[in-house]
């Protein structure tokens, strides 16, 4: 792999955002994801290679560690921030059509629930895997999901809930989406959820962590 891409991938995995970022201490004063992405583009490396050979592998490695219990939410969040710093340099290429997204992922925390850390982590991780993420925020009602699906008819939908009391609202949203769009793929996640609950409410996939959601999305990407 190109040395710049290798360094960028390591920065994303370690959460090294930019040169002034103090984290991680071992990389203090070194160029981070921000600078290295610009350097890679200036060196003529294609946006697609930067995404597929550096950014996605870096996020995948930290995601695998998280799934295995070898990394935790703070490490995932800082890695996602490093990925976001790199992604800002690639966004013009997505806009121009030179770089293609794998698909559109519409995400929101269900109505009655104001928690967003898990949702934000999923959003950043999935964007880093090459998807366009439409983040509807928190306390999202069914109508908002339906309106967004109408705007992005080929999207995949993600629902988040952190409270046992708002899990019931997730079931309401899934049933109303499926009633109007029977083939719409819906992912669910959140601390109190389980695979059994996912099946019970008629959703298509449950993942306990962002990495699992990315793996599933990559399997169904057209």
N, C-alpha and C. Protein backbone atom coordinates (compact mmCIF):
# COMPACT_ATOMS: atom_id res chain seq x y z
N UNK A 1 0.84 -1.20 0.00
CA UNK A 1 0.00 0.00 0.00
C UNK A 1 0.88 1.25 0.00
N UNK A 2 0.41 2.28 -0.66
CA UNK A 2 1.09 3.56 -0.64
C UNK A 2 1.33 4.01 0.81
N UNK A 3 2.52 4.55 1.08
CA UNK A 3 2.88 4.92 2.45
C UNK A 3 1.92 5.95 3.04
N UNK A 4 1.48 6.92 2.23
CA UNK A 4 0.52 7.91 2.71
C UNK A 4 -0.79 7.26 3.13
N UNK A 5 -1.25 6.31 2.31
CA UNK A 5 -2.51 5.63 2.62
C UNK A 5 -2.38 4.79 3.88
N UNK A 6 -1.24 4.16 4.06
CA UNK A 6 -1.01 3.37 5.26
C UNK A 6 -1.03 4.26 6.50
N UNK A 7 -0.37 5.42 6.42
CA UNK A 7 -0.37 6.35 7.55
C UNK A 7 -1.78 6.87 7.84
N UNK A 8 -2.53 7.18 6.78
CA UNK A 8 -3.90 7.67 6.95
C UNK A 8 -4.77 6.61 7.61
N UNK A 9 -4.64 5.38 7.17
CA UNK A 9 -5.43 4.29 7.74
C UNK A 9 -5.12 4.13 9.23
N UNK A 10 -3.84 4.24 9.59
CA UNK A 10 -3.44 4.12 10.99
C UNK A 10 -3.98 5.29 11.82
N UNK A 11 -3.98 6.49 11.22
CA UNK A 11 -4.51 7.66 11.93
C UNK A 11 -6.00 7.51 12.24
N UNK A 12 -6.75 6.99 11.27
CA UNK A 12 -8.18 6.81 11.48
C UNK A 12 -8.43 5.77 12.56
N UNK A 13 -7.71 4.67 12.49
CA UNK A 13 -7.88 3.62 13.51
C UNK A 13 -7.53 4.15 14.90
N UNK A 14 -6.46 4.96 14.99
CA UNK A 14 -5.99 5.46 16.28
C UNK A 14 -6.73 6.71 16.76
N UNK A 15 -7.48 7.35 15.83
CA UNK A 15 -8.19 8.56 16.21
C UNK A 15 -7.34 9.81 16.18
N UNK A 16 -6.33 9.83 15.30
CA UNK A 16 -5.47 11.01 15.14
C UNK A 16 -6.13 11.93 14.13
N UNK A 17 -6.79 12.98 14.61
CA UNK A 17 -7.62 13.84 13.77
C UNK A 17 -6.77 14.75 12.90
N UNK A 18 -5.85 15.50 13.54
CA UNK A 18 -4.99 16.43 12.80
C UNK A 18 -3.69 16.64 13.59
N UNK A 19 -2.83 17.47 13.04
CA UNK A 19 -1.50 17.64 13.64
C UNK A 19 -1.58 18.21 15.05
N UNK A 20 -2.54 19.10 15.31
CA UNK A 20 -2.63 19.74 16.62
C UNK A 20 -3.36 18.89 17.65
N UNK A 21 -3.99 17.81 17.21
CA UNK A 21 -4.71 16.93 18.14
C UNK A 21 -3.75 16.25 19.10
N UNK A 22 -4.00 16.31 20.41
CA UNK A 22 -3.09 15.69 21.38
C UNK A 22 -3.26 14.18 21.51
N UNK A 23 -4.29 13.66 20.86
CA UNK A 23 -4.59 12.23 20.99
C UNK A 23 -4.35 11.53 19.66
N UNK A 24 -3.78 10.31 19.70
CA UNK A 24 -3.19 9.64 20.86
C UNK A 24 -1.82 10.23 21.20
N UNK A 25 -1.41 10.16 22.45
CA UNK A 25 -0.15 10.78 22.88
C UNK A 25 1.07 10.32 22.06
N UNK A 26 1.07 9.07 21.64
CA UNK A 26 2.21 8.53 20.88
C UNK A 26 2.37 9.18 19.51
N UNK A 27 1.28 9.84 19.02
CA UNK A 27 1.33 10.46 17.69
C UNK A 27 1.30 11.98 17.78
N UNK A 28 1.59 12.51 18.98
CA UNK A 28 1.55 13.96 19.19
C UNK A 28 2.51 14.67 18.23
N UNK A 29 2.03 15.74 17.57
CA UNK A 29 2.85 16.52 16.67
C UNK A 29 2.95 15.96 15.26
N UNK A 30 2.38 14.77 15.04
CA UNK A 30 2.42 14.16 13.72
C UNK A 30 1.21 14.59 12.90
N UNK A 31 1.34 14.53 11.59
CA UNK A 31 0.18 14.79 10.74
C UNK A 31 -0.92 13.80 11.05
N UNK A 32 -2.18 14.29 10.96
CA UNK A 32 -3.32 13.43 11.23
C UNK A 32 -4.12 13.14 9.97
N UNK A 33 -5.33 12.63 10.16
CA UNK A 33 -6.18 12.25 9.04
C UNK A 33 -6.47 13.43 8.12
N UNK A 34 -6.64 14.60 8.71
CA UNK A 34 -6.92 15.82 7.94
C UNK A 34 -5.79 16.11 6.95
N UNK A 35 -4.57 16.26 7.46
CA UNK A 35 -3.43 16.61 6.61
C UNK A 35 -3.10 15.49 5.61
N UNK A 36 -3.14 14.25 6.06
CA UNK A 36 -2.73 13.14 5.20
C UNK A 36 -3.68 12.94 4.02
N UNK A 37 -4.97 13.18 4.24
CA UNK A 37 -5.91 13.06 3.12
C UNK A 37 -5.63 14.11 2.07
N UNK A 38 -5.37 15.33 2.51
CA UNK A 38 -5.03 16.40 1.55
C UNK A 38 -3.73 16.07 0.82
N UNK A 39 -2.75 15.57 1.55
CA UNK A 39 -1.48 15.19 0.93
C UNK A 39 -1.67 14.09 -0.12
N UNK A 40 -2.53 13.13 0.21
CA UNK A 40 -2.78 12.02 -0.72
C UNK A 40 -3.43 12.53 -2.00
N UNK A 41 -4.40 13.44 -1.86
CA UNK A 41 -5.05 14.01 -3.04
C UNK A 41 -4.05 14.84 -3.85
N UNK A 42 -3.23 15.63 -3.15
CA UNK A 42 -2.22 16.45 -3.84
C UNK A 42 -1.19 15.59 -4.57
N UNK A 43 -0.98 14.37 -4.03
CA UNK A 43 -0.01 13.46 -4.65
C UNK A 43 -0.60 12.70 -5.84
N UNK A 44 -1.88 12.96 -6.11
CA UNK A 44 -2.52 12.32 -7.26
C UNK A 44 -3.17 10.99 -6.98
N UNK A 45 -3.27 10.62 -5.70
CA UNK A 45 -3.96 9.37 -5.35
C UNK A 45 -5.45 9.58 -5.52
N UNK A 46 -6.13 8.65 -6.14
CA UNK A 46 -7.55 8.82 -6.45
C UNK A 46 -8.39 8.83 -5.18
N UNK A 47 -9.48 9.60 -5.17
CA UNK A 47 -10.39 9.59 -4.01
C UNK A 47 -10.90 8.19 -3.68
N UNK A 48 -11.13 7.39 -4.71
CA UNK A 48 -11.63 6.03 -4.48
C UNK A 48 -10.59 5.19 -3.72
N UNK A 49 -9.32 5.32 -4.10
CA UNK A 49 -8.27 4.57 -3.40
C UNK A 49 -8.13 5.06 -1.96
N UNK A 50 -8.24 6.36 -1.75
CA UNK A 50 -8.16 6.90 -0.40
C UNK A 50 -9.27 6.32 0.48
N UNK A 51 -10.47 6.26 -0.09
CA UNK A 51 -11.61 5.73 0.65
C UNK A 51 -11.48 4.24 0.92
N UNK A 52 -11.21 3.47 -0.15
CA UNK A 52 -11.26 2.00 -0.04
C UNK A 52 -9.99 1.37 0.53
N UNK A 53 -8.84 2.05 0.37
CA UNK A 53 -7.58 1.46 0.82
C UNK A 53 -7.08 2.02 2.15
N UNK A 54 -7.65 3.15 2.58
CA UNK A 54 -7.19 3.76 3.83
C UNK A 54 -8.32 3.97 4.84
N UNK A 55 -9.35 4.72 4.43
CA UNK A 55 -10.38 5.10 5.38
C UNK A 55 -11.23 3.92 5.84
N UNK A 56 -11.75 3.17 4.88
CA UNK A 56 -12.61 2.03 5.23
C UNK A 56 -11.85 0.98 6.03
N UNK A 57 -10.62 0.59 5.62
CA UNK A 57 -9.88 -0.39 6.44
C UNK A 57 -9.60 0.11 7.85
N UNK A 58 -9.28 1.41 7.99
CA UNK A 58 -9.01 1.95 9.32
C UNK A 58 -10.22 1.86 10.23
N UNK A 59 -11.39 2.25 9.70
CA UNK A 59 -12.63 2.17 10.49
C UNK A 59 -13.01 0.72 10.74
N UNK A 60 -12.73 -0.16 9.79
CA UNK A 60 -13.06 -1.58 9.97
C UNK A 60 -12.25 -2.19 11.11
N UNK A 61 -10.98 -1.84 11.18
CA UNK A 61 -10.13 -2.42 12.23
C UNK A 61 -10.58 -1.97 13.62
N UNK A 62 -10.89 -0.67 13.79
CA UNK A 62 -11.35 -0.22 15.10
C UNK A 62 -12.73 -0.80 15.40
N UNK A 63 -13.54 -0.99 14.35
CA UNK A 63 -14.86 -1.59 14.54
C UNK A 63 -14.76 -3.03 14.99
N UNK A 64 -13.80 -3.77 14.42
CA UNK A 64 -13.60 -5.17 14.82
C UNK A 64 -13.13 -5.25 16.27
N UNK A 65 -12.25 -4.31 16.66
CA UNK A 65 -11.79 -4.28 18.06
C UNK A 65 -12.95 -3.99 19.01
N UNK A 66 -13.83 -3.06 18.60
CA UNK A 66 -14.99 -2.71 19.41
C UNK A 66 -15.91 -3.92 19.58
N UNK A 67 -16.14 -4.63 18.48
CA UNK A 67 -17.00 -5.81 18.52
C UNK A 67 -16.43 -6.89 19.43
N UNK A 68 -15.10 -6.96 19.47
CA UNK A 68 -14.42 -8.00 20.27
C UNK A 68 -14.19 -7.56 21.72
N UNK A 69 -14.64 -6.35 22.07
CA UNK A 69 -14.45 -5.84 23.42
C UNK A 69 -13.05 -5.35 23.70
N UNK A 70 -12.27 -5.10 22.63
CA UNK A 70 -10.89 -4.63 22.78
C UNK A 70 -10.78 -3.12 22.59
N UNK A 71 -11.87 -2.49 22.21
CA UNK A 71 -11.95 -1.03 22.12
C UNK A 71 -13.33 -0.63 22.62
N UNK A 72 -13.47 0.62 23.04
CA UNK A 72 -14.71 1.06 23.68
C UNK A 72 -15.25 2.32 23.01
N UNK A 73 -16.39 2.80 23.47
CA UNK A 73 -17.07 3.92 22.82
C UNK A 73 -16.16 5.13 22.61
N UNK A 74 -15.37 5.56 23.60
CA UNK A 74 -14.51 6.73 23.36
C UNK A 74 -13.54 6.53 22.18
N UNK A 75 -12.96 5.32 22.08
CA UNK A 75 -12.05 5.04 20.97
C UNK A 75 -12.78 5.05 19.63
N UNK A 76 -13.99 4.52 19.61
CA UNK A 76 -14.79 4.52 18.39
C UNK A 76 -15.15 5.95 17.99
N UNK A 77 -15.52 6.77 18.96
CA UNK A 77 -15.91 8.14 18.66
C UNK A 77 -14.75 8.96 18.12
N UNK A 78 -13.56 8.79 18.71
CA UNK A 78 -12.42 9.58 18.25
C UNK A 78 -11.96 9.09 16.88
N UNK A 79 -12.08 7.79 16.62
CA UNK A 79 -11.76 7.26 15.29
C UNK A 79 -12.73 7.82 14.26
N UNK A 80 -14.01 7.87 14.64
CA UNK A 80 -15.01 8.41 13.73
C UNK A 80 -14.77 9.89 13.44
N UNK A 81 -14.28 10.63 14.44
CA UNK A 81 -13.95 12.05 14.22
C UNK A 81 -12.77 12.19 13.26
N UNK A 82 -11.80 11.30 13.38
CA UNK A 82 -10.67 11.32 12.44
C UNK A 82 -11.15 11.01 11.03
N UNK A 83 -12.07 10.04 10.92
CA UNK A 83 -12.63 9.70 9.62
C UNK A 83 -13.39 10.88 9.04
N UNK A 84 -14.14 11.60 9.88
CA UNK A 84 -14.89 12.76 9.42
C UNK A 84 -13.95 13.85 8.90
N UNK A 85 -12.81 14.02 9.58
CA UNK A 85 -11.82 15.01 9.15
C UNK A 85 -11.27 14.66 7.77
N UNK A 86 -11.10 13.37 7.53
CA UNK A 86 -10.63 12.92 6.21
C UNK A 86 -11.74 13.04 5.18
N UNK A 87 -12.95 12.69 5.57
CA UNK A 87 -14.08 12.66 4.64
C UNK A 87 -14.40 14.04 4.07
N UNK A 88 -14.14 15.11 4.82
CA UNK A 88 -14.48 16.45 4.31
C UNK A 88 -13.71 16.77 3.03
N UNK A 89 -12.54 16.16 2.87
CA UNK A 89 -11.75 16.37 1.65
C UNK A 89 -12.32 15.58 0.46
N UNK A 90 -13.07 14.51 0.77
CA UNK A 90 -13.62 13.67 -0.30
C UNK A 90 -15.03 14.08 -0.72
N UNK A 91 -15.72 14.84 0.12
CA UNK A 91 -17.11 15.18 -0.19
C UNK A 91 -17.31 15.88 -1.53
N UNK A 92 -16.40 16.77 -1.94
CA UNK A 92 -16.58 17.37 -3.28
C UNK A 92 -16.60 16.34 -4.40
N UNK A 93 -15.88 15.24 -4.22
CA UNK A 93 -15.83 14.21 -5.26
C UNK A 93 -17.13 13.39 -5.28
N UNK A 94 -17.76 13.23 -4.12
CA UNK A 94 -19.08 12.60 -4.07
C UNK A 94 -20.10 13.50 -4.77
N UNK A 95 -20.02 14.80 -4.47
CA UNK A 95 -20.95 15.76 -5.05
C UNK A 95 -20.85 15.80 -6.57
N UNK A 96 -19.63 15.73 -7.08
CA UNK A 96 -19.41 15.81 -8.53
C UNK A 96 -19.76 14.51 -9.24
N UNK A 97 -19.89 13.43 -8.47
CA UNK A 97 -20.18 12.13 -9.08
C UNK A 97 -18.94 11.33 -9.41
N UNK A 98 -17.76 11.92 -9.17
CA UNK A 98 -16.51 11.20 -9.45
C UNK A 98 -16.35 10.01 -8.51
N UNK A 99 -16.88 10.16 -7.29
CA UNK A 99 -16.82 9.10 -6.29
C UNK A 99 -18.25 8.68 -5.97
N UNK A 100 -18.53 7.39 -6.09
CA UNK A 100 -19.90 6.90 -5.93
C UNK A 100 -20.14 6.37 -4.52
N UNK A 101 -21.25 6.75 -3.94
CA UNK A 101 -21.67 6.18 -2.66
C UNK A 101 -22.21 4.76 -2.89
N UNK A 102 -22.12 3.94 -1.84
CA UNK A 102 -22.65 2.57 -1.93
C UNK A 102 -24.18 2.57 -1.86
N UNK A 103 -24.73 3.61 -1.27
CA UNK A 103 -26.18 3.69 -1.12
C UNK A 103 -26.52 4.80 -0.13
N UNK A 104 -27.80 4.92 0.19
CA UNK A 104 -28.26 5.94 1.13
C UNK A 104 -28.81 5.26 2.37
N UNK A 105 -28.38 5.72 3.54
CA UNK A 105 -28.82 5.17 4.81
C UNK A 105 -29.52 6.27 5.59
N UNK A 106 -30.81 6.09 5.84
CA UNK A 106 -31.61 7.07 6.59
C UNK A 106 -31.69 6.60 8.04
N UNK A 107 -31.28 7.47 8.95
CA UNK A 107 -31.12 7.06 10.35
C UNK A 107 -31.77 8.05 11.30
N UNK A 108 -32.37 7.53 12.37
CA UNK A 108 -32.94 8.41 13.38
C UNK A 108 -33.23 7.66 14.67
N UNK A 109 -33.20 8.40 15.79
CA UNK A 109 -33.66 7.86 17.07
C UNK A 109 -35.17 8.04 17.13
N UNK A 110 -35.87 6.99 17.51
CA UNK A 110 -37.33 6.99 17.41
C UNK A 110 -37.97 7.99 18.37
N UNK A 111 -39.21 8.39 18.04
CA UNK A 111 -39.91 9.40 18.83
C UNK A 111 -40.03 8.98 20.29
N UNK A 112 -39.89 9.98 21.18
CA UNK A 112 -39.92 9.73 22.62
C UNK A 112 -38.55 9.50 23.21
N UNK A 113 -37.54 9.35 22.34
CA UNK A 113 -36.18 9.04 22.80
C UNK A 113 -35.22 10.14 22.32
N UNK A 114 -34.49 10.73 23.26
CA UNK A 114 -33.60 11.85 22.93
C UNK A 114 -32.12 11.47 22.94
N UNK A 115 -31.82 10.19 23.01
CA UNK A 115 -30.43 9.75 23.07
C UNK A 115 -29.82 9.72 21.66
N UNK A 116 -28.59 10.23 21.56
CA UNK A 116 -28.01 10.28 20.21
C UNK A 116 -26.57 9.80 20.10
N UNK A 117 -25.91 9.44 21.21
CA UNK A 117 -24.50 9.05 21.09
C UNK A 117 -24.36 7.80 20.22
N UNK A 118 -25.16 6.78 20.50
CA UNK A 118 -25.09 5.55 19.71
C UNK A 118 -25.44 5.80 18.25
N UNK A 119 -26.48 6.60 18.04
CA UNK A 119 -26.90 6.92 16.67
C UNK A 119 -25.81 7.67 15.93
N UNK A 120 -25.19 8.64 16.60
CA UNK A 120 -24.14 9.42 15.97
C UNK A 120 -22.94 8.55 15.60
N UNK A 121 -22.63 7.61 16.47
CA UNK A 121 -21.52 6.70 16.22
C UNK A 121 -21.79 5.83 15.00
N UNK A 122 -23.01 5.33 14.92
CA UNK A 122 -23.42 4.52 13.77
C UNK A 122 -23.36 5.37 12.49
N UNK A 123 -23.86 6.60 12.58
CA UNK A 123 -23.88 7.47 11.40
C UNK A 123 -22.48 7.72 10.87
N UNK A 124 -21.54 8.06 11.76
CA UNK A 124 -20.18 8.35 11.34
C UNK A 124 -19.48 7.12 10.79
N UNK A 125 -19.74 5.97 11.41
CA UNK A 125 -19.09 4.73 10.97
C UNK A 125 -19.60 4.32 9.59
N UNK A 126 -20.90 4.43 9.38
CA UNK A 126 -21.48 4.03 8.10
C UNK A 126 -21.08 5.01 7.00
N UNK A 127 -20.99 6.30 7.33
CA UNK A 127 -20.51 7.26 6.33
C UNK A 127 -19.07 6.93 5.95
N UNK A 128 -18.28 6.55 6.94
CA UNK A 128 -16.89 6.19 6.68
C UNK A 128 -16.75 4.94 5.85
N UNK A 129 -17.80 4.14 5.79
CA UNK A 129 -17.78 2.93 4.97
C UNK A 129 -18.25 3.21 3.54
N UNK A 130 -18.53 4.49 3.24
CA UNK A 130 -18.84 4.85 1.86
C UNK A 130 -20.31 5.06 1.54
N UNK A 131 -21.15 5.16 2.56
CA UNK A 131 -22.58 5.39 2.37
C UNK A 131 -22.92 6.86 2.58
N UNK A 132 -23.95 7.33 1.91
CA UNK A 132 -24.50 8.66 2.21
C UNK A 132 -25.47 8.49 3.37
N UNK A 133 -25.24 9.23 4.44
CA UNK A 133 -26.08 9.11 5.64
C UNK A 133 -26.98 10.32 5.76
N UNK A 134 -28.28 10.07 5.87
CA UNK A 134 -29.27 11.12 6.13
C UNK A 134 -29.68 10.96 7.59
N UNK A 135 -29.13 11.81 8.45
CA UNK A 135 -29.37 11.71 9.89
C UNK A 135 -30.55 12.61 10.25
N UNK A 136 -31.64 11.99 10.67
CA UNK A 136 -32.86 12.74 11.00
C UNK A 136 -32.87 13.24 12.44
N UNK A 137 -31.86 12.85 13.23
CA UNK A 137 -31.77 13.33 14.60
C UNK A 137 -32.48 12.43 15.59
N UNK A 138 -33.00 13.04 16.65
CA UNK A 138 -33.66 12.29 17.73
C UNK A 138 -35.15 12.62 17.75
N UNK A 139 -35.90 11.80 18.49
CA UNK A 139 -37.34 12.03 18.66
C UNK A 139 -38.05 12.12 17.30
N UNK A 140 -37.69 11.17 16.41
CA UNK A 140 -38.18 11.22 15.04
C UNK A 140 -39.49 10.43 14.91
N UNK A 141 -40.51 11.11 14.43
CA UNK A 141 -41.82 10.48 14.26
C UNK A 141 -41.89 9.72 12.93
N UNK A 142 -42.87 8.82 12.86
CA UNK A 142 -43.04 7.98 11.68
C UNK A 142 -43.15 8.81 10.41
N UNK A 143 -43.89 9.90 10.47
CA UNK A 143 -44.12 10.72 9.28
C UNK A 143 -42.81 11.21 8.67
N UNK A 144 -41.86 11.56 9.53
CA UNK A 144 -40.57 12.05 9.05
C UNK A 144 -39.81 10.95 8.31
N UNK A 145 -39.86 9.75 8.85
CA UNK A 145 -39.23 8.62 8.15
C UNK A 145 -39.89 8.39 6.79
N UNK A 146 -41.21 8.41 6.77
CA UNK A 146 -41.94 8.16 5.52
C UNK A 146 -41.64 9.24 4.48
N UNK A 147 -41.59 10.48 4.92
CA UNK A 147 -41.27 11.59 3.99
C UNK A 147 -39.87 11.43 3.41
N UNK A 148 -38.94 11.00 4.24
CA UNK A 148 -37.56 10.86 3.79
C UNK A 148 -37.41 9.66 2.85
N UNK A 149 -38.13 8.59 3.15
CA UNK A 149 -38.10 7.42 2.26
C UNK A 149 -38.66 7.79 0.89
N UNK A 150 -39.69 8.62 0.88
CA UNK A 150 -40.27 9.07 -0.39
C UNK A 150 -39.24 9.85 -1.20
N UNK A 151 -38.41 10.62 -0.50
CA UNK A 151 -37.38 11.42 -1.17
C UNK A 151 -36.21 10.55 -1.64
N UNK A 152 -35.90 9.49 -0.87
CA UNK A 152 -34.80 8.58 -1.20
C UNK A 152 -35.36 7.16 -1.29
N UNK A 153 -36.05 6.85 -2.38
CA UNK A 153 -36.79 5.58 -2.47
C UNK A 153 -35.94 4.32 -2.37
N UNK A 154 -34.64 4.41 -2.67
CA UNK A 154 -33.79 3.22 -2.61
C UNK A 154 -32.99 3.12 -1.31
N UNK A 155 -33.36 3.95 -0.34
CA UNK A 155 -32.58 3.99 0.90
C UNK A 155 -32.80 2.75 1.77
N UNK A 156 -31.86 2.55 2.69
CA UNK A 156 -32.01 1.61 3.79
C UNK A 156 -32.29 2.44 5.03
N UNK A 157 -33.14 1.95 5.93
CA UNK A 157 -33.54 2.72 7.10
C UNK A 157 -32.93 2.14 8.37
N UNK A 158 -32.47 3.01 9.26
CA UNK A 158 -31.95 2.58 10.55
C UNK A 158 -32.70 3.27 11.69
N UNK A 159 -33.13 2.49 12.66
CA UNK A 159 -33.85 3.03 13.82
C UNK A 159 -33.06 2.75 15.09
N UNK A 160 -32.96 3.77 15.95
CA UNK A 160 -32.22 3.63 17.20
C UNK A 160 -33.13 3.92 18.38
N UNK A 161 -32.93 3.17 19.47
CA UNK A 161 -33.65 3.43 20.72
C UNK A 161 -32.77 2.97 21.88
N UNK A 162 -32.73 3.76 22.94
CA UNK A 162 -31.89 3.40 24.08
C UNK A 162 -32.71 3.02 25.32
N UNK A 163 -34.01 3.27 25.26
CA UNK A 163 -34.85 3.00 26.43
C UNK A 163 -35.83 1.86 26.15
N UNK A 164 -36.08 1.06 27.16
CA UNK A 164 -37.07 -0.01 27.00
C UNK A 164 -38.45 0.58 26.73
N UNK A 165 -38.68 1.78 27.25
CA UNK A 165 -39.99 2.41 27.06
C UNK A 165 -40.19 2.91 25.62
N UNK A 166 -39.11 3.17 24.90
CA UNK A 166 -39.26 3.66 23.52
C UNK A 166 -39.12 2.55 22.49
N UNK A 167 -38.80 1.34 22.95
CA UNK A 167 -38.74 0.21 22.02
C UNK A 167 -40.10 -0.02 21.35
N UNK A 168 -41.16 0.23 22.10
CA UNK A 168 -42.51 0.05 21.54
C UNK A 168 -42.75 1.01 20.39
N UNK A 169 -42.18 2.21 20.48
CA UNK A 169 -42.32 3.18 19.39
C UNK A 169 -41.59 2.71 18.14
N UNK A 170 -40.50 2.00 18.34
CA UNK A 170 -39.77 1.43 17.22
C UNK A 170 -40.66 0.44 16.46
N UNK A 171 -41.40 -0.35 17.21
CA UNK A 171 -42.31 -1.32 16.58
C UNK A 171 -43.38 -0.60 15.75
N UNK A 172 -43.91 0.50 16.27
CA UNK A 172 -44.92 1.28 15.55
C UNK A 172 -44.35 1.79 14.23
N UNK A 173 -43.14 2.34 14.27
CA UNK A 173 -42.52 2.89 13.07
C UNK A 173 -42.24 1.80 12.04
N UNK A 174 -41.72 0.68 12.48
CA UNK A 174 -41.43 -0.43 11.55
C UNK A 174 -42.70 -0.87 10.85
N UNK A 175 -43.78 -1.05 11.60
CA UNK A 175 -45.03 -1.54 11.00
C UNK A 175 -45.61 -0.54 10.01
N UNK A 176 -45.51 0.75 10.33
CA UNK A 176 -46.06 1.76 9.41
C UNK A 176 -45.20 1.89 8.15
N UNK A 177 -43.88 1.77 8.30
CA UNK A 177 -43.01 1.81 7.11
C UNK A 177 -43.29 0.59 6.23
N UNK A 178 -43.36 -0.58 6.85
CA UNK A 178 -43.57 -1.81 6.08
C UNK A 178 -44.95 -1.84 5.43
N UNK A 179 -45.94 -1.18 6.06
CA UNK A 179 -47.28 -1.14 5.48
C UNK A 179 -47.27 -0.36 4.16
N UNK A 180 -46.47 0.68 4.10
CA UNK A 180 -46.40 1.51 2.89
C UNK A 180 -45.30 1.04 1.93
N UNK A 181 -44.20 0.54 2.50
CA UNK A 181 -43.06 0.08 1.69
C UNK A 181 -42.67 -1.33 2.16
N UNK A 182 -43.40 -2.36 1.72
CA UNK A 182 -43.20 -3.73 2.23
C UNK A 182 -41.77 -4.25 2.05
N UNK A 183 -41.07 -3.79 1.03
CA UNK A 183 -39.73 -4.31 0.75
C UNK A 183 -38.61 -3.44 1.36
N UNK A 184 -38.99 -2.43 2.08
CA UNK A 184 -37.98 -1.53 2.65
C UNK A 184 -37.16 -2.26 3.72
N UNK A 185 -35.83 -2.20 3.58
CA UNK A 185 -34.95 -2.85 4.54
C UNK A 185 -34.75 -1.93 5.73
N UNK A 186 -34.99 -2.47 6.93
CA UNK A 186 -34.90 -1.68 8.16
C UNK A 186 -33.94 -2.36 9.14
N UNK A 187 -32.95 -1.58 9.59
CA UNK A 187 -32.02 -2.04 10.62
C UNK A 187 -32.41 -1.39 11.94
N UNK A 188 -32.24 -2.12 13.04
CA UNK A 188 -32.52 -1.56 14.36
C UNK A 188 -31.33 -1.80 15.28
N UNK A 189 -31.17 -0.89 16.24
CA UNK A 189 -30.09 -1.02 17.20
C UNK A 189 -30.34 -0.20 18.44
N UNK A 190 -29.58 -0.51 19.49
CA UNK A 190 -29.74 0.18 20.77
C UNK A 190 -29.53 -0.79 21.91
N UNK A 191 -29.14 -0.27 23.05
CA UNK A 191 -28.75 -1.10 24.19
C UNK A 191 -29.78 -2.16 24.60
N UNK A 192 -31.09 -1.83 24.67
CA UNK A 192 -32.03 -2.84 25.18
C UNK A 192 -32.52 -3.84 24.13
N UNK A 193 -32.07 -3.67 22.89
CA UNK A 193 -32.62 -4.50 21.81
C UNK A 193 -31.94 -5.87 21.73
N UNK A 194 -32.55 -6.75 20.95
CA UNK A 194 -31.99 -8.08 20.72
C UNK A 194 -32.44 -8.56 19.35
N UNK A 195 -31.83 -9.64 18.89
CA UNK A 195 -32.22 -10.23 17.61
C UNK A 195 -33.68 -10.68 17.66
N UNK A 196 -34.09 -11.25 18.80
CA UNK A 196 -35.47 -11.71 18.95
C UNK A 196 -36.46 -10.56 18.82
N UNK A 197 -36.12 -9.41 19.44
CA UNK A 197 -37.00 -8.25 19.35
C UNK A 197 -37.08 -7.76 17.91
N UNK A 198 -35.95 -7.75 17.24
CA UNK A 198 -35.90 -7.34 15.83
C UNK A 198 -36.86 -8.18 14.99
N UNK A 199 -36.81 -9.48 15.18
CA UNK A 199 -37.69 -10.38 14.42
C UNK A 199 -39.15 -10.18 14.81
N UNK A 200 -39.38 -9.95 16.10
CA UNK A 200 -40.75 -9.79 16.60
C UNK A 200 -41.44 -8.58 15.98
N UNK A 201 -40.70 -7.48 15.79
CA UNK A 201 -41.33 -6.26 15.27
C UNK A 201 -41.29 -6.17 13.73
N UNK A 202 -40.67 -7.18 13.10
CA UNK A 202 -40.68 -7.21 11.64
C UNK A 202 -39.56 -6.45 10.97
N UNK A 203 -38.51 -6.07 11.74
CA UNK A 203 -37.34 -5.42 11.14
C UNK A 203 -36.47 -6.48 10.47
N UNK A 204 -35.52 -6.02 9.66
CA UNK A 204 -34.73 -6.96 8.86
C UNK A 204 -33.40 -7.36 9.48
N UNK A 205 -32.84 -6.49 10.30
CA UNK A 205 -31.53 -6.82 10.87
C UNK A 205 -31.31 -6.06 12.17
N UNK A 206 -30.69 -6.75 13.13
CA UNK A 206 -30.28 -6.13 14.38
C UNK A 206 -28.78 -6.26 14.52
N UNK A 207 -28.13 -5.19 14.90
CA UNK A 207 -26.70 -5.24 15.18
C UNK A 207 -26.42 -4.59 16.53
N UNK A 208 -25.62 -5.23 17.36
CA UNK A 208 -25.29 -4.65 18.65
C UNK A 208 -24.24 -3.55 18.58
N UNK A 209 -23.61 -3.38 17.39
CA UNK A 209 -22.56 -2.37 17.27
C UNK A 209 -22.49 -1.86 15.83
N UNK A 210 -21.83 -0.70 15.61
CA UNK A 210 -21.77 -0.11 14.27
C UNK A 210 -21.10 -1.01 13.24
N UNK A 211 -20.07 -1.73 13.65
CA UNK A 211 -19.33 -2.57 12.70
C UNK A 211 -20.24 -3.64 12.10
N UNK A 212 -21.12 -4.21 12.94
CA UNK A 212 -22.05 -5.22 12.44
C UNK A 212 -23.03 -4.64 11.44
N UNK A 213 -23.44 -3.38 11.68
CA UNK A 213 -24.35 -2.72 10.75
C UNK A 213 -23.67 -2.49 9.40
N UNK A 214 -22.41 -2.08 9.43
CA UNK A 214 -21.65 -1.87 8.20
C UNK A 214 -21.51 -3.18 7.43
N UNK A 215 -21.17 -4.26 8.13
CA UNK A 215 -21.02 -5.55 7.46
C UNK A 215 -22.31 -5.95 6.74
N UNK A 216 -23.44 -5.76 7.42
CA UNK A 216 -24.72 -6.10 6.82
C UNK A 216 -25.01 -5.22 5.59
N UNK A 217 -24.78 -3.93 5.74
CA UNK A 217 -25.04 -3.00 4.63
C UNK A 217 -24.17 -3.32 3.41
N UNK A 218 -22.93 -3.68 3.67
CA UNK A 218 -22.04 -4.01 2.56
C UNK A 218 -22.49 -5.27 1.81
N UNK A 219 -23.13 -6.17 2.52
CA UNK A 219 -23.64 -7.39 1.89
C UNK A 219 -24.82 -7.10 0.97
N UNK A 220 -25.63 -6.10 1.35
CA UNK A 220 -26.84 -5.83 0.56
C UNK A 220 -26.63 -4.70 -0.44
N UNK A 221 -25.45 -4.04 -0.39
CA UNK A 221 -25.18 -2.93 -1.31
C UNK A 221 -25.25 -3.42 -2.74
N UNK A 222 -25.95 -2.68 -3.58
CA UNK A 222 -26.11 -3.07 -4.99
C UNK A 222 -24.93 -2.53 -5.79
